[in-house]
Amino acid sequence: MKQRGYRVEKQVSVPLTYRGVRFEQGFRIDLYVARSVIVEIKSTDDLTDAHRKQLLTYLRLTDTRLGFLLNFGASTMRDGIVRMVNNLGD
């Protein structure tokens, strides 16, 4: 992605505020591409609802519309790619 000119940030901290308490490093995004696409990387036999909810939480907290789960543990890479969209109330 960098070779194509996209800015790629690794392990980006996402602050979280809960009941008035701010946590500067509440979550960490694996890859944040051009501040418009979140990529979460996994290596497991099967993706769970928890993996999907994690990505959706990141999308919501950052007001980002598009995200991908990449599971390198799937039998084929094609089976290991999940695309998620945060509607952002459009």
PDB file of N, CA and C in Angstrom:
ATOM      1  N   MET A   1       0.819  -1.183   0.000  1.00  0.00           N
ATOM      2  CA  MET A   1       0.000   0.000   0.000  1.00  0.00           C
ATOM      3  C   MET A   1       0.866   1.252   0.000  1.00  0.00           C
ATOM      4  N   LYS A   2       1.960   1.193   0.758  1.00  0.00           N
ATOM      5  CA  LYS A   2       2.869   2.346   0.766  1.00  0.00           C
ATOM      6  C   LYS A   2       3.462   2.576  -0.616  1.00  0.00           C
ATOM      7  N   GLN A   3       3.759   1.485  -1.328  1.00  0.00           N
ATOM      8  CA  GLN A   3       4.340   1.609  -2.663  1.00  0.00           C
ATOM      9  C   GLN A   3       3.378   2.289  -3.628  1.00  0.00           C
ATOM     10  N   ARG A   4       2.101   2.218  -3.339  1.00  0.00           N
ATOM     11  CA  ARG A   4       1.101   2.876  -4.180  1.00  0.00           C
ATOM     12  C   ARG A   4       0.807   4.305  -3.721  1.00  0.00           C
ATOM     13  N   GLY A   5       1.548   4.762  -2.717  1.00  0.00           N
ATOM     14  CA  GLY A   5       1.421   6.143  -2.280  1.00  0.00           C
ATOM     15  C   GLY A   5       0.465   6.386  -1.126  1.00  0.00           C
ATOM     16  N   TYR A   6      -0.062   5.326  -0.534  1.00  0.00           N
ATOM     17  CA  TYR A   6      -0.970   5.490   0.599  1.00  0.00           C
ATOM     18  C   TYR A   6      -0.190   5.627   1.897  1.00  0.00           C
ATOM     19  N   ARG A   7      -0.678   6.463   2.767  1.00  0.00           N
ATOM     20  CA  ARG A   7      -0.087   6.584   4.103  1.00  0.00           C
ATOM     21  C   ARG A   7      -0.627   5.433   4.951  1.00  0.00           C
ATOM     22  N   VAL A   8       0.270   4.613   5.476  1.00  0.00           N
ATOM     23  CA  VAL A   8      -0.125   3.461   6.285  1.00  0.00           C
ATOM     24  C   VAL A   8       0.472   3.614   7.679  1.00  0.00           C
ATOM     25  N   GLU A   9      -0.402   3.651   8.675  1.00  0.00           N
ATOM     26  CA  GLU A   9       0.036   3.751  10.065  1.00  0.00           C
ATOM     27  C   GLU A   9      -0.205   2.406  10.744  1.00  0.00           C
ATOM     28  N   LYS A  10       0.763   1.975  11.568  1.00  0.00           N
ATOM     29  CA  LYS A  10       0.657   0.696  12.275  1.00  0.00           C
ATOM     30  C   LYS A  10       0.401   0.938  13.755  1.00  0.00           C
ATOM     31  N   GLN A  11      -0.381   0.046  14.349  1.00  0.00           N
ATOM     32  CA  GLN A  11      -0.651   0.077  15.792  1.00  0.00           C
ATOM     33  C   GLN A  11      -1.070   1.473  16.269  1.00  0.00           C
ATOM     34  N   VAL A  12      -2.109   2.003  15.664  1.00  0.00           N
ATOM     35  CA  VAL A  12      -2.603   3.342  15.976  1.00  0.00           C
ATOM     36  C   VAL A  12      -3.487   3.289  17.226  1.00  0.00           C
ATOM     37  N   SER A  13      -3.155   4.095  18.214  1.00  0.00           N
ATOM     38  CA  SER A  13      -3.944   4.159  19.447  1.00  0.00           C
ATOM     39  C   SER A  13      -5.261   4.879  19.198  1.00  0.00           C
ATOM     40  N   VAL A  14      -6.325   4.317  19.742  1.00  0.00           N
ATOM     41  CA  VAL A  14      -7.646   4.929  19.657  1.00  0.00           C
ATOM     42  C   VAL A  14      -8.089   5.253  21.077  1.00  0.00           C
ATOM     43  N   PRO A  15      -8.166   6.535  21.424  1.00  0.00           N
ATOM     44  CA  PRO A  15      -8.592   6.897  22.777  1.00  0.00           C
ATOM     45  C   PRO A  15     -10.057   6.525  23.016  1.00  0.00           C
ATOM     46  N   LEU A  16     -10.374   6.288  24.254  1.00  0.00           N
ATOM     47  CA  LEU A  16     -11.723   5.901  24.644  1.00  0.00           C
ATOM     48  C   LEU A  16     -12.100   6.688  25.892  1.00  0.00           C
ATOM     49  N   THR A  17     -13.311   7.243  25.902  1.00  0.00           N
ATOM     50  CA  THR A  17     -13.807   7.934  27.088  1.00  0.00           C
ATOM     51  C   THR A  17     -14.993   7.153  27.630  1.00  0.00           C
ATOM     52  N   TYR A  18     -14.908   6.796  28.900  1.00  0.00           N
ATOM     53  CA  TYR A  18     -15.973   6.037  29.544  1.00  0.00           C
ATOM     54  C   TYR A  18     -16.317   6.706  30.867  1.00  0.00           C
ATOM     55  N   ARG A  19     -17.564   7.149  30.973  1.00  0.00           N
ATOM     56  CA  ARG A  19     -18.051   7.823  32.186  1.00  0.00           C
ATOM     57  C   ARG A  19     -17.122   8.951  32.631  1.00  0.00           C
ATOM     58  N   GLY A  20     -16.698   9.731  31.659  1.00  0.00           N
ATOM     59  CA  GLY A  20     -15.873  10.892  31.947  1.00  0.00           C
ATOM     60  C   GLY A  20     -14.392  10.617  32.129  1.00  0.00           C
ATOM     61  N   VAL A  21     -14.000   9.364  32.079  1.00  0.00           N
ATOM     62  CA  VAL A  21     -12.584   9.007  32.222  1.00  0.00           C
ATOM     63  C   VAL A  21     -12.034   8.696  30.835  1.00  0.00           C
ATOM     64  N   ARG A  22     -10.957   9.379  30.473  1.00  0.00           N
ATOM     65  CA  ARG A  22     -10.364   9.186  29.144  1.00  0.00           C
ATOM     66  C   ARG A  22      -9.176   8.229  29.229  1.00  0.00           C
ATOM     67  N   PHE A  23      -9.212   7.225  28.373  1.00  0.00           N
ATOM     68  CA  PHE A  23      -8.117   6.266  28.240  1.00  0.00           C
ATOM     69  C   PHE A  23      -7.438   6.548  26.907  1.00  0.00           C
ATOM     70  N   GLU A  24      -6.215   7.045  26.946  1.00  0.00           N
ATOM     71  CA  GLU A  24      -5.514   7.447  25.722  1.00  0.00           C
ATOM     72  C   GLU A  24      -5.228   6.265  24.800  1.00  0.00           C
ATOM     73  N   GLN A  25      -4.990   5.107  25.368  1.00  0.00           N
ATOM     74  CA  GLN A  25      -4.698   3.933  24.543  1.00  0.00           C
ATOM     75  C   GLN A  25      -5.735   2.849  24.797  1.00  0.00           C
ATOM     76  N   GLY A  26      -7.004   3.209  24.603  1.00  0.00           N
ATOM     77  CA  GLY A  26      -8.086   2.268  24.833  1.00  0.00           C
ATOM     78  C   GLY A  26      -8.028   1.075  23.904  1.00  0.00           C
ATOM     79  N   PHE A  27      -7.723   1.327  22.638  1.00  0.00           N
ATOM     80  CA  PHE A  27      -7.640   0.279  21.623  1.00  0.00           C
ATOM     81  C   PHE A  27      -6.459   0.568  20.708  1.00  0.00           C
ATOM     82  N   ARG A  28      -6.067  -0.435  19.923  1.00  0.00           N
ATOM     83  CA  ARG A  28      -5.008  -0.257  18.921  1.00  0.00           C
ATOM     84  C   ARG A  28      -5.452  -0.852  17.585  1.00  0.00           C
ATOM     85  N   ILE A  29      -5.422  -0.020  16.572  1.00  0.00           N
ATOM     86  CA  ILE A  29      -5.756  -0.452  15.214  1.00  0.00           C
ATOM     87  C   ILE A  29      -4.496  -1.039  14.587  1.00  0.00           C
ATOM     88  N   ASP A  30      -4.620  -2.218  13.970  1.00  0.00           N
ATOM     89  CA  ASP A  30      -3.451  -2.845  13.346  1.00  0.00           C
ATOM     90  C   ASP A  30      -2.887  -1.971  12.224  1.00  0.00           C
ATOM     91  N   LEU A  31      -3.718  -1.646  11.239  1.00  0.00           N
ATOM     92  CA  LEU A  31      -3.297  -0.783  10.128  1.00  0.00           C
ATOM     93  C   LEU A  31      -4.390   0.239   9.846  1.00  0.00           C
ATOM     94  N   TYR A  32      -3.979   1.497   9.711  1.00  0.00           N
ATOM     95  CA  TYR A  32      -4.904   2.575   9.371  1.00  0.00           C
ATOM     96  C   TYR A  32      -4.385   3.173   8.068  1.00  0.00           C
ATOM     97  N   VAL A  33      -5.117   2.962   6.992  1.00  0.00           N
ATOM     98  CA  VAL A  33      -4.672   3.357   5.658  1.00  0.00           C
ATOM     99  C   VAL A  33      -5.313   4.688   5.279  1.00  0.00           C
ATOM    100  N   ALA A  34      -4.470   5.694   5.087  1.00  0.00           N
ATOM    101  CA  ALA A  34      -4.903   7.024   4.647  1.00  0.00           C
ATOM    102  C   ALA A  34      -6.002   7.601   5.540  1.00  0.00           C
ATOM    103  N   ARG A  35      -6.025   7.175   6.797  1.00  0.00           N
ATOM    104  CA  ARG A  35      -7.049   7.613   7.748  1.00  0.00           C
ATOM    105  C   ARG A  35      -8.457   7.435   7.190  1.00  0.00           C
ATOM    106  N   SER A  36      -8.622   6.436   6.293  1.00  0.00           N
ATOM    107  CA  SER A  36      -9.947   6.191   5.733  1.00  0.00           C
ATOM    108  C   SER A  36     -10.318   4.713   5.679  1.00  0.00           C
ATOM    109  N   VAL A  37      -9.378   3.810   5.916  1.00  0.00           N
ATOM    110  CA  VAL A  37      -9.652   2.369   5.911  1.00  0.00           C
ATOM    111  C   VAL A  37      -8.908   1.731   7.079  1.00  0.00           C
ATOM    112  N   ILE A  38      -9.631   0.928   7.868  1.00  0.00           N
ATOM    113  CA  ILE A  38      -9.026   0.199   8.978  1.00  0.00           C
ATOM    114  C   ILE A  38      -8.846  -1.250   8.562  1.00  0.00           C
ATOM    115  N   VAL A  39      -7.660  -1.797   8.827  1.00  0.00           N
ATOM    116  CA  VAL A  39      -7.377  -3.201   8.533  1.00  0.00           C
ATOM    117  C   VAL A  39      -6.981  -3.882   9.838  1.00  0.00           C
ATOM    118  N   GLU A  40      -7.743  -4.897  10.210  1.00  0.00           N
ATOM    119  CA  GLU A  40      -7.426  -5.705  11.390  1.00  0.00           C
ATOM    120  C   GLU A  40      -6.926  -7.058  10.912  1.00  0.00           C
ATOM    121  N   ILE A  41      -5.797  -7.478  11.439  1.00  0.00           N
ATOM    122  CA  ILE A  41      -5.155  -8.709  11.001  1.00  0.00           C
ATOM    123  C   ILE A  41      -5.310  -9.779  12.072  1.00  0.00           C
ATOM    124  N   LYS A  42      -5.762 -10.947  11.639  1.00  0.00           N
ATOM    125  CA  LYS A  42      -5.938 -12.092  12.534  1.00  0.00           C
ATOM    126  C   LYS A  42      -5.259 -13.315  11.917  1.00  0.00           C
ATOM    127  N   SER A  43      -5.030 -14.321  12.759  1.00  0.00           N
ATOM    128  CA  SER A  43      -4.539 -15.617  12.290  1.00  0.00           C
ATOM    129  C   SER A  43      -5.188 -16.681  13.163  1.00  0.00           C
ATOM    130  N   THR A  44      -6.371 -17.099  12.754  1.00  0.00           N
ATOM    131  CA  THR A  44      -7.166 -18.051  13.523  1.00  0.00           C
ATOM    132  C   THR A  44      -7.931 -18.955  12.563  1.00  0.00           C
ATOM    133  N   ASP A  45      -8.363 -20.108  13.047  1.00  0.00           N
ATOM    134  CA  ASP A  45      -9.115 -21.020  12.180  1.00  0.00           C
ATOM    135  C   ASP A  45     -10.400 -20.376  11.676  1.00  0.00           C
ATOM    136  N   ASP A  46     -11.114 -19.715  12.571  1.00  0.00           N
ATOM    137  CA  ASP A  46     -12.383 -19.080  12.215  1.00  0.00           C
ATOM    138  C   ASP A  46     -12.488 -17.716  12.875  1.00  0.00           C
ATOM    139  N   LEU A  47     -13.025 -16.763  12.131  1.00  0.00           N
ATOM    140  CA  LEU A  47     -13.323 -15.458  12.719  1.00  0.00           C
ATOM    141  C   LEU A  47     -14.606 -15.581  13.537  1.00  0.00           C
ATOM    142  N   THR A  48     -14.645 -14.893  14.662  1.00  0.00           N
ATOM    143  CA  THR A  48     -15.817 -14.939  15.537  1.00  0.00           C
ATOM    144  C   THR A  48     -16.561 -13.610  15.483  1.00  0.00           C
ATOM    145  N   ASP A  49     -17.724 -13.599  16.118  1.00  0.00           N
ATOM    146  CA  ASP A  49     -18.475 -12.342  16.231  1.00  0.00           C
ATOM    147  C   ASP A  49     -17.662 -11.296  16.982  1.00  0.00           C
ATOM    148  N   ALA A  50     -16.842 -11.732  17.939  1.00  0.00           N
ATOM    149  CA  ALA A  50     -16.004 -10.794  18.696  1.00  0.00           C
ATOM    150  C   ALA A  50     -15.024 -10.072  17.780  1.00  0.00           C
ATOM    151  N   HIS A  51     -14.470 -10.765  16.792  1.00  0.00           N
ATOM    152  CA  HIS A  51     -13.557 -10.132  15.838  1.00  0.00           C
ATOM    153  C   HIS A  51     -14.297  -9.070  15.026  1.00  0.00           C
ATOM    154  N   ARG A  52     -15.498  -9.411  14.578  1.00  0.00           N
ATOM    155  CA  ARG A  52     -16.296  -8.469  13.789  1.00  0.00           C
ATOM    156  C   ARG A  52     -16.707  -7.254  14.633  1.00  0.00           C
ATOM    157  N   LYS A  53     -17.107  -7.503  15.869  1.00  0.00           N
ATOM    158  CA  LYS A  53     -17.498  -6.405  16.760  1.00  0.00           C
ATOM    159  C   LYS A  53     -16.312  -5.495  17.066  1.00  0.00           C
ATOM    160  N   GLN A  54     -15.132  -6.084  17.188  1.00  0.00           N
ATOM    161  CA  GLN A  54     -13.924  -5.289  17.429  1.00  0.00           C
ATOM    162  C   GLN A  54     -13.711  -4.303  16.284  1.00  0.00           C
ATOM    163  N   LEU A  55     -13.776  -4.788  15.058  1.00  0.00           N
ATOM    164  CA  LEU A  55     -13.585  -3.909  13.905  1.00  0.00           C
ATOM    165  C   LEU A  55     -14.683  -2.854  13.844  1.00  0.00           C
ATOM    166  N   LEU A  56     -15.927  -3.247  14.068  1.00  0.00           N
ATOM    167  CA  LEU A  56     -17.023  -2.280  14.031  1.00  0.00           C
ATOM    168  C   LEU A  56     -16.847  -1.205  15.107  1.00  0.00           C
ATOM    169  N   THR A  57     -16.365  -1.590  16.275  1.00  0.00           N
ATOM    170  CA  THR A  57     -16.083  -0.621  17.340  1.00  0.00           C
ATOM    171  C   THR A  57     -15.025   0.374  16.889  1.00  0.00           C
ATOM    172  N   TYR A  58     -13.956  -0.112  16.270  1.00  0.00           N
ATOM    173  CA  TYR A  58     -12.904   0.776  15.768  1.00  0.00           C
ATOM    174  C   TYR A  58     -13.457   1.735  14.720  1.00  0.00           C
ATOM    175  N   LEU A  59     -14.292   1.228  13.822  1.00  0.00           N
ATOM    176  CA  LEU A  59     -14.887   2.079  12.792  1.00  0.00           C
ATOM    177  C   LEU A  59     -15.724   3.185  13.432  1.00  0.00           C
ATOM    178  N   ARG A  60     -16.512   2.828  14.417  1.00  0.00           N
ATOM    179  CA  ARG A  60     -17.379   3.814  15.074  1.00  0.00           C
ATOM    180  C   ARG A  60     -16.580   4.844  15.865  1.00  0.00           C
ATOM    181  N   LEU A  61     -15.583   4.388  16.617  1.00  0.00           N
ATOM    182  CA  LEU A  61     -14.802   5.311  17.447  1.00  0.00           C
ATOM    183  C   LEU A  61     -13.987   6.303  16.625  1.00  0.00           C
ATOM    184  N   THR A  62     -13.623   5.919  15.411  1.00  0.00           N
ATOM    185  CA  THR A  62     -12.801   6.789  14.568  1.00  0.00           C
ATOM    186  C   THR A  62     -13.605   7.478  13.465  1.00  0.00           C
ATOM    187  N   ASP A  63     -14.913   7.253  13.433  1.00  0.00           N
ATOM    188  CA  ASP A  63     -15.765   7.781  12.355  1.00  0.00           C
ATOM    189  C   ASP A  63     -15.221   7.402  10.987  1.00  0.00           C
ATOM    190  N   THR A  64     -14.767   6.180  10.877  1.00  0.00           N
ATOM    191  CA  THR A  64     -14.246   5.653   9.615  1.00  0.00           C
ATOM    192  C   THR A  64     -15.321   4.785   8.977  1.00  0.00           C
ATOM    193  N   ARG A  65     -15.451   4.864   7.677  1.00  0.00           N
ATOM    194  CA  ARG A  65     -16.535   4.163   6.986  1.00  0.00           C
ATOM    195  C   ARG A  65     -16.207   2.718   6.624  1.00  0.00           C
ATOM    196  N   LEU A  66     -14.960   2.420   6.234  1.00  0.00           N
ATOM    197  CA  LEU A  66     -14.637   1.113   5.666  1.00  0.00           C
ATOM    198  C   LEU A  66     -13.555   0.399   6.459  1.00  0.00           C
ATOM    199  N   GLY A  67     -13.750  -0.908   6.652  1.00  0.00           N
ATOM    200  CA  GLY A  67     -12.747  -1.705   7.342  1.00  0.00           C
ATOM    201  C   GLY A  67     -12.690  -3.115   6.787  1.00  0.00           C
ATOM    202  N   PHE A  68     -11.548  -3.756   6.984  1.00  0.00           N
ATOM    203  CA  PHE A  68     -11.360  -5.140   6.544  1.00  0.00           C
ATOM    204  C   PHE A  68     -10.776  -5.966   7.675  1.00  0.00           C
ATOM    205  N   LEU A  69     -11.272  -7.189   7.812  1.00  0.00           N
ATOM    206  CA  LEU A  69     -10.648  -8.202   8.653  1.00  0.00           C
ATOM    207  C   LEU A  69      -9.890  -9.121   7.713  1.00  0.00           C
ATOM    208  N   LEU A  70      -8.604  -9.302   7.957  1.00  0.00           N
ATOM    209  CA  LEU A  70      -7.803 -10.226   7.156  1.00  0.00           C
ATOM    210  C   LEU A  70      -7.381 -11.372   8.059  1.00  0.00           C
ATOM    211  N   ASN A  71      -7.862 -12.571   7.748  1.00  0.00           N
ATOM    212  CA  ASN A  71      -7.546 -13.740   8.555  1.00  0.00           C
ATOM    213  C   ASN A  71      -6.580 -14.638   7.789  1.00  0.00           C
ATOM    214  N   PHE A  72      -5.324 -14.622   8.214  1.00  0.00           N
ATOM    215  CA  PHE A  72      -4.309 -15.431   7.556  1.00  0.00           C
ATOM    216  C   PHE A  72      -4.358 -16.892   7.986  1.00  0.00           C
ATOM    217  N   GLY A  73      -5.253 -17.232   8.905  1.00  0.00           N
ATOM    218  CA  GLY A  73      -5.403 -18.616   9.336  1.00  0.00           C
ATOM    219  C   GLY A  73      -6.470 -19.372   8.561  1.00  0.00           C
ATOM    220  N   ALA A  74      -7.190 -18.692   7.683  1.00  0.00           N
ATOM    221  CA  ALA A  74      -8.237 -19.337   6.886  1.00  0.00           C
ATOM    222  C   ALA A  74      -7.611 -20.287   5.872  1.00  0.00           C
ATOM    223  N   SER A  75      -8.409 -21.249   5.404  1.00  0.00           N
ATOM    224  CA  SER A  75      -7.883 -22.234   4.458  1.00  0.00           C
ATOM    225  C   SER A  75      -7.413 -21.578   3.160  1.00  0.00           C
ATOM    226  N   THR A  76      -8.106 -20.539   2.715  1.00  0.00           N
ATOM    227  CA  THR A  76      -7.643 -19.734   1.578  1.00  0.00           C
ATOM    228  C   THR A  76      -7.783 -18.263   1.960  1.00  0.00           C
ATOM    229  N   MET A  77      -6.969 -17.431   1.385  1.00  0.00           N
ATOM    230  CA  MET A  77      -7.043 -16.003   1.711  1.00  0.00           C
ATOM    231  C   MET A  77      -8.390 -15.433   1.304  1.00  0.00           C
ATOM    232  N   ARG A  78      -8.946 -15.938   0.228  1.00  0.00           N
ATOM    233  CA  ARG A  78     -10.260 -15.473  -0.216  1.00  0.00           C
ATOM    234  C   ARG A  78     -11.310 -15.661   0.886  1.00  0.00           C
ATOM    235  N   ASP A  79     -11.220 -16.775   1.603  1.00  0.00           N
ATOM    236  CA  ASP A  79     -12.146 -17.044   2.703  1.00  0.00           C
ATOM    237  C   ASP A  79     -11.816 -16.217   3.942  1.00  0.00           C
ATOM    238  N   GLY A  80     -10.633 -15.651   3.987  1.00  0.00           N
ATOM    239  CA  GLY A  80     -10.191 -14.923   5.167  1.00  0.00           C
ATOM    240  C   GLY A  80     -10.362 -13.421   5.098  1.00  0.00           C
ATOM    241  N   ILE A  81     -11.078 -12.922   4.109  1.00  0.00           N
ATOM    242  CA  ILE A  81     -11.275 -11.476   3.969  1.00  0.00           C
ATOM    243  C   ILE A  81     -12.732 -11.121   4.258  1.00  0.00           C
ATOM    244  N   VAL A  82     -12.925 -10.226   5.216  1.00  0.00           N
ATOM    245  CA  VAL A  82     -14.267  -9.742   5.555  1.00  0.00           C
ATOM    246  C   VAL A  82     -14.260  -8.225   5.430  1.00  0.00           C
ATOM    247  N   ARG A  83     -15.197  -7.697   4.655  1.00  0.00           N
ATOM    248  CA  ARG A  83     -15.343  -6.251   4.464  1.00  0.00           C
ATOM    249  C   ARG A  83     -16.489  -5.777   5.343  1.00  0.00           C
ATOM    250  N   MET A  84     -16.269  -4.672   6.062  1.00  0.00           N
ATOM    251  CA  MET A  84     -17.322  -4.111   6.909  1.00  0.00           C
ATOM    252  C   MET A  84     -17.461  -2.619   6.629  1.00  0.00           C
ATOM    253  N   VAL A  85     -18.702  -2.144   6.680  1.00  0.00           N
ATOM    254  CA  VAL A  85     -18.986  -0.736   6.435  1.00  0.00           C
ATOM    255  C   VAL A  85     -19.724  -0.167   7.639  1.00  0.00           C
ATOM    256  N   ASN A  86     -19.256   0.981   8.094  1.00  0.00           N
ATOM    257  CA  ASN A  86     -19.913   1.725   9.161  1.00  0.00           C
ATOM    258  C   ASN A  86     -20.777   2.776   8.487  1.00  0.00           C
ATOM    259  N   ASN A  87     -22.078   2.695   8.661  1.00  0.00           N
ATOM    260  CA  ASN A  87     -22.990   3.597   7.950  1.00  0.00           C
ATOM    261  C   ASN A  87     -22.925   5.039   8.413  1.00  0.00           C
ATOM    262  N   LEU A  88     -22.431   5.299   9.603  1.00  0.00           N
ATOM    263  CA  LEU A  88     -22.249   6.658  10.120  1.00  0.00           C
ATOM    264  C   LEU A  88     -23.524   7.487  10.087  1.00  0.00           C
ATOM    265  N   GLY A  89     -24.669   6.827  10.065  1.00  0.00           N
ATOM    266  CA  GLY A  89     -25.937   7.545  10.111  1.00  0.00           C
ATOM    267  C   GLY A  89     -26.273   8.306   8.850  1.00  0.00           C
ATOM    268  N   ASP A  90     -25.721   7.893   7.701  1.00  0.00           N
ATOM    269  CA  ASP A  90     -26.000   8.598   6.435  1.00  0.00           C
ATOM    270  C   ASP A  90     -27.458   8.502   6.082  1.00  0.00           C
TER     271      ASP A  90
END
